[in-house]
Amino acid sequence: MGNAQAQELLVLALNDAAIDVREETIAALDQIDINWPKSEAAQHAIPRLIGALYDEDLFLQKHAEELLDKIDPEWPKSEDAKLAVPALIALLGDESPSTCESVAETLGRTGDVRAVSPLSAKLKDVNPRVRRAAALALGNLGSAGKDATAALTAALEDEEASVRQAAQEALIRISDKPPSA
């Protein structure tokens, strides 16, 4: 079996039912070949790696995002990423704060306006880490996040300083005006 065939089989194993197999697969893909991220096989892996972003396993989510960044730093703007936005939005309802943080970060990188309302709702989450991640993600949306201005303004009164700071940064990033000194 050639190296390309092995890489393709590893990519297919990202869909295995066993979490440990998926974790070993993502680790193997990350270490398979220093040139793999620039290969055609890696380009074909992008849809499956985007799918791994909404795996229940946080380890897999984080490593999938790292691999995607190695393959193409602009992947969040790809058509495959746009197709994944509804599934990522659904994951914002996950019980795990870590999953919500990770998903919020990914949604912010997509620049997709569909993420504004769900991320704005997360500014009221019980977990301050999730509220902070939502604010940062809204800021990362840039001008696409303008509809979150009211929610971010309300977050300036959050009990947690990190949330207030993230909301302030987000408001600056989504405005057309440069920050005043």
Protein backbone atom coordinates (compact mmCIF):
# COMPACT_ATOMS: atom_id res chain seq x y z
CA MET A 1 0.00 0.00 0.00
CA GLY A 2 1.36 3.40 -0.96
CA ASN A 3 1.62 6.47 1.20
CA ALA A 4 -1.29 8.16 -0.59
CA GLN A 5 -3.52 5.12 -0.01
CA ALA A 6 -2.59 5.06 3.67
CA GLN A 7 -3.43 8.74 3.98
CA GLU A 8 -6.82 8.21 2.35
CA LEU A 9 -7.60 5.33 4.72
CA LEU A 10 -6.67 7.50 7.69
CA VAL A 11 -8.99 10.24 6.49
CA LEU A 12 -11.82 7.70 6.20
CA ALA A 13 -11.11 6.51 9.75
CA LEU A 14 -12.12 9.96 11.03
CA ASN A 15 -15.68 8.62 10.77
CA ASP A 16 -15.02 5.49 12.86
CA ALA A 17 -17.55 4.88 15.62
CA ALA A 18 -14.86 4.46 18.28
CA ILE A 19 -13.55 7.66 19.83
CA ASP A 20 -10.10 6.19 20.44
CA VAL A 21 -9.78 5.29 16.74
CA ARG A 22 -10.75 8.83 15.73
CA GLU A 23 -8.25 10.30 18.21
CA GLU A 24 -5.42 8.05 16.96
CA THR A 25 -6.36 8.87 13.38
CA ILE A 26 -6.19 12.64 13.86
CA ALA A 27 -2.86 12.29 15.67
CA ALA A 28 -1.50 10.12 12.85
CA LEU A 29 -2.63 12.59 10.20
CA ASP A 30 -0.86 15.35 12.09
CA GLN A 31 2.38 13.36 12.08
CA ILE A 32 2.13 11.45 8.80
CA ASP A 33 4.39 13.60 6.66
CA ILE A 34 5.66 17.14 7.02
CA ASN A 35 4.50 17.84 3.44
CA TRP A 36 1.06 16.25 3.84
CA PRO A 37 -0.77 19.53 4.61
CA LYS A 38 0.25 20.84 1.18
CA SER A 39 -0.74 17.67 -0.67
CA GLU A 40 -3.79 17.03 -2.81
CA ALA A 41 -4.81 14.32 -0.33
CA ALA A 42 -4.92 16.92 2.44
CA GLN A 43 -7.15 19.15 0.30
CA HIS A 44 -9.54 16.23 -0.13
CA ALA A 45 -9.53 15.72 3.66
CA ILE A 46 -10.87 19.21 4.40
CA PRO A 47 -14.60 18.26 4.41
CA ARG A 48 -14.00 15.32 6.79
CA LEU A 49 -11.80 17.44 9.05
CA ILE A 50 -14.52 20.10 9.15
CA GLY A 51 -16.90 17.31 10.12
CA ALA A 52 -14.55 16.43 12.98
CA LEU A 53 -15.02 19.94 14.34
CA TYR A 54 -18.41 18.88 15.63
CA ASP A 55 -17.32 15.55 17.01
CA GLU A 56 -18.30 14.98 20.64
CA ASP A 57 -14.61 14.62 21.53
CA LEU A 58 -12.90 17.94 22.34
CA PHE A 59 -9.44 16.49 21.61
CA LEU A 60 -10.58 15.62 18.10
CA GLN A 61 -12.19 19.04 17.57
CA LYS A 62 -9.03 20.91 18.56
CA HIS A 63 -6.70 18.72 16.49
CA ALA A 64 -9.00 18.89 13.47
CA GLU A 65 -8.92 22.69 13.63
CA GLU A 66 -5.12 22.67 13.97
CA LEU A 67 -4.81 20.38 10.93
CA LEU A 68 -7.20 22.53 8.94
CA ASP A 69 -5.07 25.57 9.76
CA LYS A 70 -1.97 23.75 8.51
CA ILE A 71 -3.68 22.71 5.28
CA ASP A 72 -5.27 26.06 4.54
CA PRO A 73 -5.32 28.97 7.00
CA GLU A 74 -8.28 30.38 5.08
CA TRP A 75 -10.41 27.23 5.47
CA PRO A 76 -13.06 29.03 7.60
CA LYS A 77 -14.00 31.04 4.50
CA SER A 78 -14.33 27.92 2.31
CA GLU A 79 -17.57 26.57 0.92
CA ASP A 80 -17.11 23.41 3.01
CA ALA A 81 -16.93 25.55 6.17
CA LYS A 82 -20.05 27.45 5.13
CA LEU A 83 -21.88 24.13 4.76
CA ALA A 84 -20.82 23.17 8.30
CA VAL A 85 -22.11 26.39 9.93
CA PRO A 86 -25.61 25.02 10.77
CA ALA A 87 -24.11 21.96 12.47
CA LEU A 88 -21.65 24.14 14.36
CA ILE A 89 -24.47 26.44 15.47
CA ALA A 90 -26.34 23.40 16.77
CA LEU A 91 -23.26 22.46 18.80
CA LEU A 92 -23.46 25.76 20.68
CA GLY A 93 -26.24 24.05 22.62
CA ASP A 94 -23.85 21.37 23.91
CA GLU A 95 -23.67 20.94 27.69
CA SER A 96 -19.87 21.10 27.66
CA PRO A 97 -18.49 24.63 28.12
CA SER A 98 -15.28 23.54 26.39
CA THR A 99 -17.20 22.42 23.32
CA CYS A 100 -19.16 25.69 23.26
CA GLU A 101 -15.94 27.70 23.53
CA SER A 102 -14.31 25.79 20.69
CA VAL A 103 -17.37 26.02 18.47
CA ALA A 104 -17.79 29.75 19.16
CA GLU A 105 -14.17 30.34 18.15
CA THR A 106 -14.66 28.39 14.92
CA LEU A 107 -17.90 30.21 14.09
CA GLY A 108 -16.19 33.54 14.61
CA ARG A 109 -13.54 32.58 12.09
CA THR A 110 -16.13 31.77 9.41
CA GLY A 111 -17.35 35.35 9.11
CA ASP A 112 -20.81 33.88 8.56
CA VAL A 113 -23.68 36.18 9.54
CA ARG A 114 -25.81 33.15 10.49
CA ALA A 115 -23.66 32.83 13.63
CA VAL A 116 -24.56 36.28 14.99
CA SER A 117 -27.84 35.46 16.70
CA PRO A 118 -26.73 32.16 18.30
CA LEU A 119 -23.46 33.71 19.48
CA SER A 120 -25.35 36.71 20.84
CA ALA A 121 -27.55 34.33 22.84
CA LYS A 122 -24.42 32.74 24.33
CA LEU A 123 -23.50 36.12 25.84
CA LYS A 124 -26.09 35.17 28.51
CA ASP A 125 -24.70 31.66 29.16
CA VAL A 126 -24.19 30.71 32.81
CA ASN A 127 -20.52 29.96 32.15
CA PRO A 128 -18.27 33.05 31.89
CA ARG A 129 -15.81 31.22 29.61
CA VAL A 130 -18.62 30.60 27.13
CA ARG A 131 -19.78 34.24 27.37
CA ARG A 132 -16.22 35.44 26.75
CA ALA A 133 -15.76 33.06 23.79
CA ALA A 134 -19.05 34.26 22.29
CA ALA A 135 -18.01 37.90 22.60
CA LEU A 136 -14.62 37.23 21.02
CA ALA A 137 -16.26 35.26 18.21
CA LEU A 138 -18.68 38.09 17.50
CA GLY A 139 -15.72 40.44 17.26
CA ASN A 140 -13.99 38.06 14.88
CA LEU A 141 -17.02 38.22 12.60
CA GLY A 142 -16.07 41.83 11.94
CA SER A 143 -18.74 43.96 10.32
CA ALA A 144 -20.89 40.83 9.88
CA GLY A 145 -21.40 40.99 13.65
CA LYS A 146 -23.01 44.46 13.65
CA ASP A 147 -26.41 42.99 14.60
CA ALA A 148 -24.84 41.92 17.90
CA THR A 149 -24.13 45.50 18.98
CA ALA A 150 -26.98 45.63 21.52
CA ALA A 151 -26.09 42.26 23.05
CA LEU A 152 -22.40 43.18 23.23
CA THR A 153 -23.24 46.54 24.79
CA ALA A 154 -25.26 44.72 27.46
CA ALA A 155 -22.28 42.40 28.02
CA LEU A 156 -20.23 45.45 29.00
CA GLU A 157 -22.11 45.16 32.32
CA ASP A 158 -21.22 41.47 32.83
CA GLU A 159 -20.06 40.48 36.32
CA GLU A 160 -16.87 38.96 34.87
CA ALA A 161 -14.10 41.34 33.81
CA SER A 162 -12.90 39.00 31.03
CA VAL A 163 -16.37 39.05 29.46
CA ARG A 164 -16.58 42.85 29.69
CA GLN A 165 -13.15 43.18 28.07
CA ALA A 166 -14.05 40.73 25.28
CA ALA A 167 -17.31 42.60 24.63
CA GLN A 168 -15.44 45.91 24.44
CA GLU A 169 -12.91 44.46 21.99
CA ALA A 170 -15.71 42.96 19.91
CA LEU A 171 -17.55 46.27 19.69
CA ILE A 172 -14.39 47.93 18.44
CA ARG A 173 -13.78 45.19 15.86
CA ILE A 174 -17.32 45.25 14.43
CA SER A 175 -17.46 49.02 14.15
CA ASP A 176 -16.30 50.82 11.05
CA LYS A 177 -14.52 53.39 13.19
CA PRO A 178 -11.01 52.88 14.51
CA PRO A 179 -10.78 52.83 18.31
CA SER A 180 -10.35 56.24 19.91
CA ALA A 181 -7.28 56.91 22.01
